[in-house]
Amino acid sequence: MTVASGVGNIDKLLAKLKKADIIILDDWGMTTFTPLEGRFLHEVFEERCSERSTIFSAQLPVAQWHGLFEDPTVADAVLDRVIHNSYRLELHGASLRSVTGKDQGGGAPGGVQLPKRCSQSDSTPLEQDGEH
């Protein structure tokens, strides 16, 4: 977002993200979002809500995602679109890196957030999130 904004390609990036069939956000929650970045994310997720899939991989528990945004109003709006009608898989236990001997100081695996799609009527979530 920062690079695209700096070179004047933010509208092009926004259009690309809105149309992508799936977006995977790995290590979600590693940094906080400025009000401008939060509004950008809101615009992306507003367009994608209930239409396209987004996967979040995070070490940070979902309950702490609100604190990632400097503007609490934008946080409410973004998270309402991200968490509403979503599936949550929370992994517990030691990191797989520890088990395989490839541990390089990483923590335990976080949860994965999968939006519920209307066309997935044959899919049953392990745990459906009703939080907003």
N, C-alpha and C. Protein backbone atom coordinates (compact mmCIF):
# COMPACT_ATOMS: atom_id res chain seq x y z
N MET A 1 0.83 -1.19 0.00
CA MET A 1 0.00 0.00 0.00
C MET A 1 0.87 1.25 0.00
N THR A 2 1.91 1.22 0.81
CA THR A 2 2.78 2.40 0.92
C THR A 2 3.51 2.67 -0.39
N VAL A 3 4.05 1.62 -1.00
CA VAL A 3 4.77 1.78 -2.26
C VAL A 3 3.83 2.25 -3.36
N ALA A 4 2.66 1.61 -3.47
CA ALA A 4 1.70 1.99 -4.50
C ALA A 4 1.25 3.43 -4.32
N SER A 5 1.05 3.84 -3.09
CA SER A 5 0.65 5.21 -2.81
C SER A 5 1.75 6.20 -3.19
N GLY A 6 2.99 5.83 -2.88
CA GLY A 6 4.12 6.70 -3.16
C GLY A 6 4.37 6.94 -4.63
N VAL A 7 4.06 5.95 -5.47
CA VAL A 7 4.30 6.10 -6.90
C VAL A 7 3.03 6.40 -7.68
N GLY A 8 1.95 6.65 -6.97
CA GLY A 8 0.71 7.06 -7.61
C GLY A 8 -0.11 5.93 -8.22
N ASN A 9 0.12 4.69 -7.76
CA ASN A 9 -0.62 3.54 -8.31
C ASN A 9 -1.64 2.97 -7.33
N ILE A 10 -2.07 3.74 -6.35
CA ILE A 10 -2.97 3.22 -5.33
C ILE A 10 -4.31 2.80 -5.92
N ASP A 11 -4.82 3.56 -6.88
CA ASP A 11 -6.11 3.20 -7.50
C ASP A 11 -5.99 1.88 -8.27
N LYS A 12 -4.87 1.68 -8.93
CA LYS A 12 -4.64 0.43 -9.68
C LYS A 12 -4.56 -0.76 -8.72
N LEU A 13 -3.85 -0.59 -7.60
CA LEU A 13 -3.75 -1.65 -6.60
C LEU A 13 -5.12 -1.95 -6.01
N LEU A 14 -5.86 -0.93 -5.69
CA LEU A 14 -7.20 -1.09 -5.11
C LEU A 14 -8.10 -1.88 -6.05
N ALA A 15 -8.10 -1.55 -7.32
CA ALA A 15 -8.92 -2.26 -8.30
C ALA A 15 -8.50 -3.72 -8.41
N LYS A 16 -7.21 -3.97 -8.37
CA LYS A 16 -6.69 -5.34 -8.47
C LYS A 16 -7.12 -6.17 -7.25
N LEU A 17 -7.02 -5.60 -6.06
CA LEU A 17 -7.39 -6.32 -4.83
C LEU A 17 -8.89 -6.58 -4.77
N LYS A 18 -9.69 -5.65 -5.25
CA LYS A 18 -11.14 -5.82 -5.23
C LYS A 18 -11.57 -6.97 -6.13
N LYS A 19 -10.86 -7.19 -7.23
CA LYS A 19 -11.24 -8.20 -8.21
C LYS A 19 -10.63 -9.58 -7.97
N ALA A 20 -9.59 -9.67 -7.17
CA ALA A 20 -8.91 -10.95 -6.95
C ALA A 20 -9.88 -11.97 -6.35
N ASP A 21 -9.88 -13.19 -6.89
CA ASP A 21 -10.77 -14.23 -6.37
C ASP A 21 -10.45 -14.56 -4.92
N ILE A 22 -9.17 -14.53 -4.58
CA ILE A 22 -8.77 -14.83 -3.21
C ILE A 22 -7.56 -13.97 -2.85
N ILE A 23 -7.56 -13.47 -1.64
CA ILE A 23 -6.42 -12.75 -1.08
C ILE A 23 -5.98 -13.52 0.16
N ILE A 24 -4.68 -13.77 0.26
CA ILE A 24 -4.13 -14.43 1.44
C ILE A 24 -3.23 -13.43 2.15
N LEU A 25 -3.58 -13.11 3.38
CA LEU A 25 -2.81 -12.17 4.19
C LEU A 25 -2.08 -12.97 5.27
N ASP A 26 -0.80 -13.19 5.05
CA ASP A 26 0.01 -13.97 5.97
C ASP A 26 0.63 -13.05 7.01
N ASP A 27 0.77 -13.52 8.22
CA ASP A 27 1.32 -12.75 9.33
C ASP A 27 0.51 -11.48 9.61
N TRP A 28 -0.81 -11.57 9.48
CA TRP A 28 -1.71 -10.45 9.78
C TRP A 28 -1.48 -10.03 11.22
N GLY A 29 -1.37 -8.75 11.44
CA GLY A 29 -1.23 -8.22 12.79
C GLY A 29 0.19 -7.95 13.21
N MET A 30 1.13 -8.04 12.27
CA MET A 30 2.53 -7.77 12.61
C MET A 30 2.78 -6.27 12.77
N THR A 31 1.96 -5.44 12.16
CA THR A 31 2.08 -3.99 12.27
C THR A 31 0.69 -3.38 12.44
N THR A 32 0.67 -2.15 12.91
CA THR A 32 -0.60 -1.43 13.03
C THR A 32 -0.89 -0.67 11.74
N PHE A 33 -2.14 -0.23 11.61
CA PHE A 33 -2.58 0.48 10.42
C PHE A 33 -2.90 1.93 10.74
N THR A 34 -2.35 2.83 9.94
CA THR A 34 -2.66 4.25 10.07
C THR A 34 -4.11 4.46 9.65
N PRO A 35 -4.70 5.60 9.97
CA PRO A 35 -6.06 5.86 9.50
C PRO A 35 -6.20 5.73 7.98
N LEU A 36 -5.21 6.19 7.22
CA LEU A 36 -5.26 6.09 5.76
C LEU A 36 -5.23 4.63 5.31
N GLU A 37 -4.34 3.84 5.90
CA GLU A 37 -4.26 2.41 5.57
C GLU A 37 -5.55 1.69 5.97
N GLY A 38 -6.12 2.07 7.10
CA GLY A 38 -7.38 1.48 7.55
C GLY A 38 -8.51 1.77 6.58
N ARG A 39 -8.58 3.00 6.09
CA ARG A 39 -9.62 3.36 5.12
C ARG A 39 -9.42 2.60 3.81
N PHE A 40 -8.18 2.38 3.41
CA PHE A 40 -7.87 1.61 2.22
C PHE A 40 -8.37 0.16 2.40
N LEU A 41 -8.05 -0.44 3.54
CA LEU A 41 -8.51 -1.80 3.83
C LEU A 41 -10.03 -1.87 3.86
N HIS A 42 -10.66 -0.85 4.43
CA HIS A 42 -12.12 -0.81 4.47
C HIS A 42 -12.69 -0.83 3.06
N GLU A 43 -12.12 -0.05 2.18
CA GLU A 43 -12.61 -0.01 0.80
C GLU A 43 -12.44 -1.36 0.12
N VAL A 44 -11.32 -2.01 0.34
CA VAL A 44 -11.08 -3.33 -0.25
C VAL A 44 -12.09 -4.33 0.27
N PHE A 45 -12.25 -4.40 1.60
CA PHE A 45 -13.14 -5.41 2.19
C PHE A 45 -14.61 -5.09 1.99
N GLU A 46 -14.94 -3.83 1.85
CA GLU A 46 -16.33 -3.44 1.55
C GLU A 46 -16.74 -4.05 0.22
N GLU A 47 -15.87 -3.96 -0.75
CA GLU A 47 -16.14 -4.49 -2.09
C GLU A 47 -16.15 -6.02 -2.10
N ARG A 48 -15.30 -6.64 -1.31
CA ARG A 48 -15.14 -8.10 -1.34
C ARG A 48 -16.14 -8.83 -0.44
N CYS A 49 -16.73 -8.13 0.52
CA CYS A 49 -17.59 -8.73 1.52
C CYS A 49 -18.67 -9.62 0.89
N SER A 50 -18.69 -10.89 1.27
CA SER A 50 -19.66 -11.89 0.80
C SER A 50 -19.56 -12.18 -0.69
N GLU A 51 -18.53 -11.68 -1.35
CA GLU A 51 -18.37 -11.89 -2.79
C GLU A 51 -17.10 -12.66 -3.13
N ARG A 52 -16.03 -12.43 -2.40
CA ARG A 52 -14.74 -13.01 -2.70
C ARG A 52 -14.11 -13.51 -1.39
N SER A 53 -13.14 -14.40 -1.51
CA SER A 53 -12.54 -15.02 -0.33
C SER A 53 -11.26 -14.31 0.10
N THR A 54 -11.08 -14.26 1.41
CA THR A 54 -9.86 -13.74 2.00
C THR A 54 -9.45 -14.69 3.12
N ILE A 55 -8.18 -15.02 3.15
CA ILE A 55 -7.64 -15.88 4.20
C ILE A 55 -6.64 -15.08 5.01
N PHE A 56 -6.81 -15.10 6.32
CA PHE A 56 -5.89 -14.44 7.23
C PHE A 56 -5.13 -15.50 7.99
N SER A 57 -3.83 -15.38 8.04
CA SER A 57 -2.99 -16.22 8.88
C SER A 57 -2.37 -15.28 9.90
N ALA A 58 -2.59 -15.57 11.18
CA ALA A 58 -2.17 -14.63 12.20
C ALA A 58 -1.70 -15.33 13.46
N GLN A 59 -0.71 -14.77 14.09
CA GLN A 59 -0.29 -15.20 15.42
C GLN A 59 -1.14 -14.47 16.47
N LEU A 60 -1.60 -13.29 16.12
CA LEU A 60 -2.38 -12.45 17.02
C LEU A 60 -3.83 -12.94 17.11
N PRO A 61 -4.34 -13.17 18.30
CA PRO A 61 -5.74 -13.61 18.43
C PRO A 61 -6.71 -12.58 17.85
N VAL A 62 -7.79 -13.06 17.27
CA VAL A 62 -8.79 -12.20 16.64
C VAL A 62 -9.28 -11.13 17.62
N ALA A 63 -9.40 -11.47 18.88
CA ALA A 63 -9.87 -10.51 19.88
C ALA A 63 -8.97 -9.28 19.98
N GLN A 64 -7.75 -9.37 19.50
CA GLN A 64 -6.82 -8.24 19.57
C GLN A 64 -6.69 -7.48 18.24
N TRP A 65 -7.40 -7.90 17.20
CA TRP A 65 -7.28 -7.26 15.89
C TRP A 65 -7.74 -5.81 15.90
N HIS A 66 -8.71 -5.48 16.74
CA HIS A 66 -9.22 -4.10 16.79
C HIS A 66 -8.09 -3.13 17.11
N GLY A 67 -7.19 -3.54 17.97
CA GLY A 67 -6.08 -2.68 18.36
C GLY A 67 -5.05 -2.45 17.26
N LEU A 68 -5.15 -3.13 16.16
CA LEU A 68 -4.23 -2.92 15.04
C LEU A 68 -4.49 -1.60 14.32
N PHE A 69 -5.68 -1.06 14.50
CA PHE A 69 -6.10 0.15 13.79
C PHE A 69 -6.01 1.36 14.71
N GLU A 70 -5.38 2.43 14.22
CA GLU A 70 -5.29 3.66 15.00
C GLU A 70 -6.65 4.33 15.16
N ASP A 71 -7.53 4.17 14.18
CA ASP A 71 -8.87 4.77 14.21
C ASP A 71 -9.88 3.69 14.59
N PRO A 72 -10.47 3.77 15.79
CA PRO A 72 -11.39 2.71 16.23
C PRO A 72 -12.66 2.61 15.38
N THR A 73 -13.10 3.69 14.78
CA THR A 73 -14.29 3.64 13.92
C THR A 73 -14.00 2.85 12.66
N VAL A 74 -12.82 3.07 12.08
CA VAL A 74 -12.41 2.32 10.90
C VAL A 74 -12.21 0.85 11.27
N ALA A 75 -11.64 0.60 12.44
CA ALA A 75 -11.46 -0.78 12.91
C ALA A 75 -12.80 -1.50 12.98
N ASP A 76 -13.82 -0.85 13.54
CA ASP A 76 -15.15 -1.44 13.62
C ASP A 76 -15.67 -1.79 12.23
N ALA A 77 -15.54 -0.86 11.30
CA ALA A 77 -16.06 -1.06 9.95
C ALA A 77 -15.32 -2.19 9.22
N VAL A 78 -14.00 -2.20 9.30
CA VAL A 78 -13.21 -3.24 8.62
C VAL A 78 -13.50 -4.60 9.23
N LEU A 79 -13.43 -4.70 10.54
CA LEU A 79 -13.60 -6.00 11.18
C LEU A 79 -15.01 -6.54 11.06
N ASP A 80 -16.00 -5.66 10.97
CA ASP A 80 -17.37 -6.11 10.74
C ASP A 80 -17.44 -6.84 9.40
N ARG A 81 -16.75 -6.34 8.39
CA ARG A 81 -16.77 -6.97 7.07
C ARG A 81 -15.90 -8.22 7.02
N VAL A 82 -14.83 -8.24 7.80
CA VAL A 82 -13.90 -9.37 7.78
C VAL A 82 -14.43 -10.53 8.63
N ILE A 83 -14.93 -10.27 9.80
CA ILE A 83 -15.28 -11.32 10.74
C ILE A 83 -16.72 -11.82 10.56
N HIS A 84 -17.61 -10.94 10.13
CA HIS A 84 -19.02 -11.32 9.94
C HIS A 84 -19.11 -12.41 8.87
N ASN A 85 -19.86 -13.45 9.11
CA ASN A 85 -20.02 -14.57 8.17
C ASN A 85 -18.70 -15.23 7.81
N SER A 86 -17.84 -15.44 8.79
CA SER A 86 -16.55 -16.05 8.51
C SER A 86 -16.40 -17.36 9.28
N TYR A 87 -15.43 -18.12 8.86
CA TYR A 87 -15.06 -19.34 9.55
C TYR A 87 -13.72 -19.11 10.22
N ARG A 88 -13.56 -19.65 11.42
CA ARG A 88 -12.31 -19.48 12.14
C ARG A 88 -11.77 -20.85 12.53
N LEU A 89 -10.53 -21.07 12.17
CA LEU A 89 -9.83 -22.29 12.59
C LEU A 89 -8.71 -21.84 13.52
N GLU A 90 -8.79 -22.25 14.76
CA GLU A 90 -7.74 -21.88 15.70
C GLU A 90 -6.89 -23.11 15.97
N LEU A 91 -5.60 -22.95 15.74
CA LEU A 91 -4.66 -24.04 15.97
C LEU A 91 -4.08 -23.91 17.37
N HIS A 92 -3.91 -25.04 18.03
CA HIS A 92 -3.38 -25.04 19.38
C HIS A 92 -2.20 -26.00 19.46
N GLY A 93 -1.33 -25.75 20.40
CA GLY A 93 -0.20 -26.64 20.60
C GLY A 93 1.10 -26.01 20.12
N ALA A 94 2.12 -26.83 20.16
CA ALA A 94 3.45 -26.36 19.78
C ALA A 94 3.52 -26.09 18.28
N SER A 95 4.41 -25.20 17.91
CA SER A 95 4.64 -24.89 16.51
C SER A 95 5.15 -26.13 15.80
N LEU A 96 4.72 -26.32 14.58
CA LEU A 96 5.20 -27.45 13.79
C LEU A 96 6.70 -27.35 13.56
N ARG A 97 7.24 -26.14 13.59
CA ARG A 97 8.69 -25.97 13.45
C ARG A 97 9.42 -26.66 14.60
N SER A 98 8.84 -26.62 15.80
CA SER A 98 9.44 -27.30 16.95
C SER A 98 9.44 -28.81 16.74
N VAL A 99 8.34 -29.32 16.24
CA VAL A 99 8.18 -30.76 16.05
C VAL A 99 9.12 -31.28 14.98
N THR A 100 9.33 -30.50 13.91
CA THR A 100 10.18 -30.95 12.80
C THR A 100 11.64 -30.57 12.99
N GLY A 101 11.96 -29.88 14.07
CA GLY A 101 13.34 -29.48 14.32
C GLY A 101 13.77 -28.26 13.54
N LYS A 102 12.81 -27.55 12.96
CA LYS A 102 13.12 -26.36 12.17
C LYS A 102 12.77 -25.08 12.93
N ASP A 103 12.64 -25.18 14.25
CA ASP A 103 12.27 -24.01 15.05
C ASP A 103 13.37 -22.97 15.01
N GLN A 104 12.98 -21.78 14.62
CA GLN A 104 13.92 -20.66 14.59
C GLN A 104 13.41 -19.53 15.48
N GLY A 105 12.77 -19.93 16.56
CA GLY A 105 12.29 -18.94 17.52
C GLY A 105 10.87 -18.49 17.29
N GLY A 106 10.15 -19.11 16.35
CA GLY A 106 8.77 -18.72 16.07
C GLY A 106 7.84 -19.17 17.17
N GLY A 107 6.70 -18.55 17.27
CA GLY A 107 5.72 -18.90 18.29
C GLY A 107 4.79 -19.99 17.81
N ALA A 108 3.78 -20.27 18.60
CA ALA A 108 2.78 -21.26 18.23
C ALA A 108 1.96 -20.71 17.07
N PRO A 109 1.42 -21.60 16.23
CA PRO A 109 0.66 -21.14 15.08
C PRO A 109 -0.59 -20.40 15.52
N GLY A 110 -0.98 -19.40 14.73
CA GLY A 110 -2.18 -18.62 15.01
C GLY A 110 -3.38 -19.20 14.29
N GLY A 111 -4.49 -18.44 14.27
CA GLY A 111 -5.71 -18.88 13.62
C GLY A 111 -5.75 -18.47 12.17
N VAL A 112 -6.64 -19.07 11.44
CA VAL A 112 -6.86 -18.74 10.04
C VAL A 112 -8.31 -18.31 9.89
N GLN A 113 -8.54 -17.22 9.22
CA GLN A 113 -9.87 -16.67 9.06
C GLN A 113 -10.33 -16.89 7.62
N LEU A 114 -11.42 -17.63 7.42
CA LEU A 114 -11.94 -17.88 6.09
C LEU A 114 -13.36 -17.33 5.99
N PRO A 115 -13.63 -16.42 5.06
CA PRO A 115 -14.99 -15.91 4.92
C PRO A 115 -15.94 -16.99 4.41
N LYS A 116 -17.17 -16.99 4.93
CA LYS A 116 -18.18 -17.92 4.48
C LYS A 116 -18.70 -17.44 3.13
N ARG A 117 -18.85 -18.34 2.20
CA ARG A 117 -19.34 -18.01 0.87
C ARG A 117 -20.72 -18.64 0.71
N CYS A 118 -21.64 -17.93 0.11
CA CYS A 118 -22.99 -18.44 -0.08
C CYS A 118 -23.00 -19.73 -0.88
N SER A 119 -22.07 -19.87 -1.83
CA SER A 119 -22.06 -21.04 -2.71
C SER A 119 -21.50 -22.28 -2.02
N GLN A 120 -21.03 -22.17 -0.81
CA GLN A 120 -20.44 -23.31 -0.12
C GLN A 120 -21.44 -23.97 0.81
N SER A 121 -22.62 -24.27 0.30
CA SER A 121 -23.66 -24.84 1.16
C SER A 121 -23.32 -26.24 1.64
N ASP A 122 -22.42 -26.95 0.91
CA ASP A 122 -22.06 -28.29 1.34
C ASP A 122 -20.91 -28.29 2.33
N SER A 123 -20.38 -27.12 2.65
CA SER A 123 -19.25 -27.00 3.57
C SER A 123 -19.76 -26.72 4.98
N THR A 124 -19.23 -27.42 5.94
CA THR A 124 -19.60 -27.20 7.32
C THR A 124 -18.39 -26.70 8.08
N PRO A 125 -18.49 -25.56 8.75
CA PRO A 125 -17.34 -25.03 9.47
C PRO A 125 -17.06 -25.85 10.72
N LEU A 126 -15.77 -25.87 11.10
CA LEU A 126 -15.42 -26.49 12.36
C LEU A 126 -15.96 -25.66 13.51
N GLU A 127 -15.85 -24.35 13.36
CA GLU A 127 -16.36 -23.43 14.37
C GLU A 127 -16.74 -22.16 13.64
N GLN A 128 -18.00 -21.75 13.74
CA GLN A 128 -18.39 -20.51 13.09
C GLN A 128 -18.35 -19.38 14.09
N ASP A 129 -17.79 -18.26 13.63
CA ASP A 129 -17.61 -17.10 14.49
C ASP A 129 -18.84 -16.22 14.42
N GLY A 130 -19.46 -15.92 15.53
CA GLY A 130 -20.59 -15.03 15.56
C GLY A 130 -20.24 -13.67 16.11
N GLU A 131 -18.94 -13.42 16.37
CA GLU A 131 -18.52 -12.12 16.94
C GLU A 131 -18.49 -11.05 15.87
N HIS A 132 -18.58 -9.81 16.30
CA HIS A 132 -18.43 -8.65 15.41
C HIS A 132 -17.34 -7.79 15.94
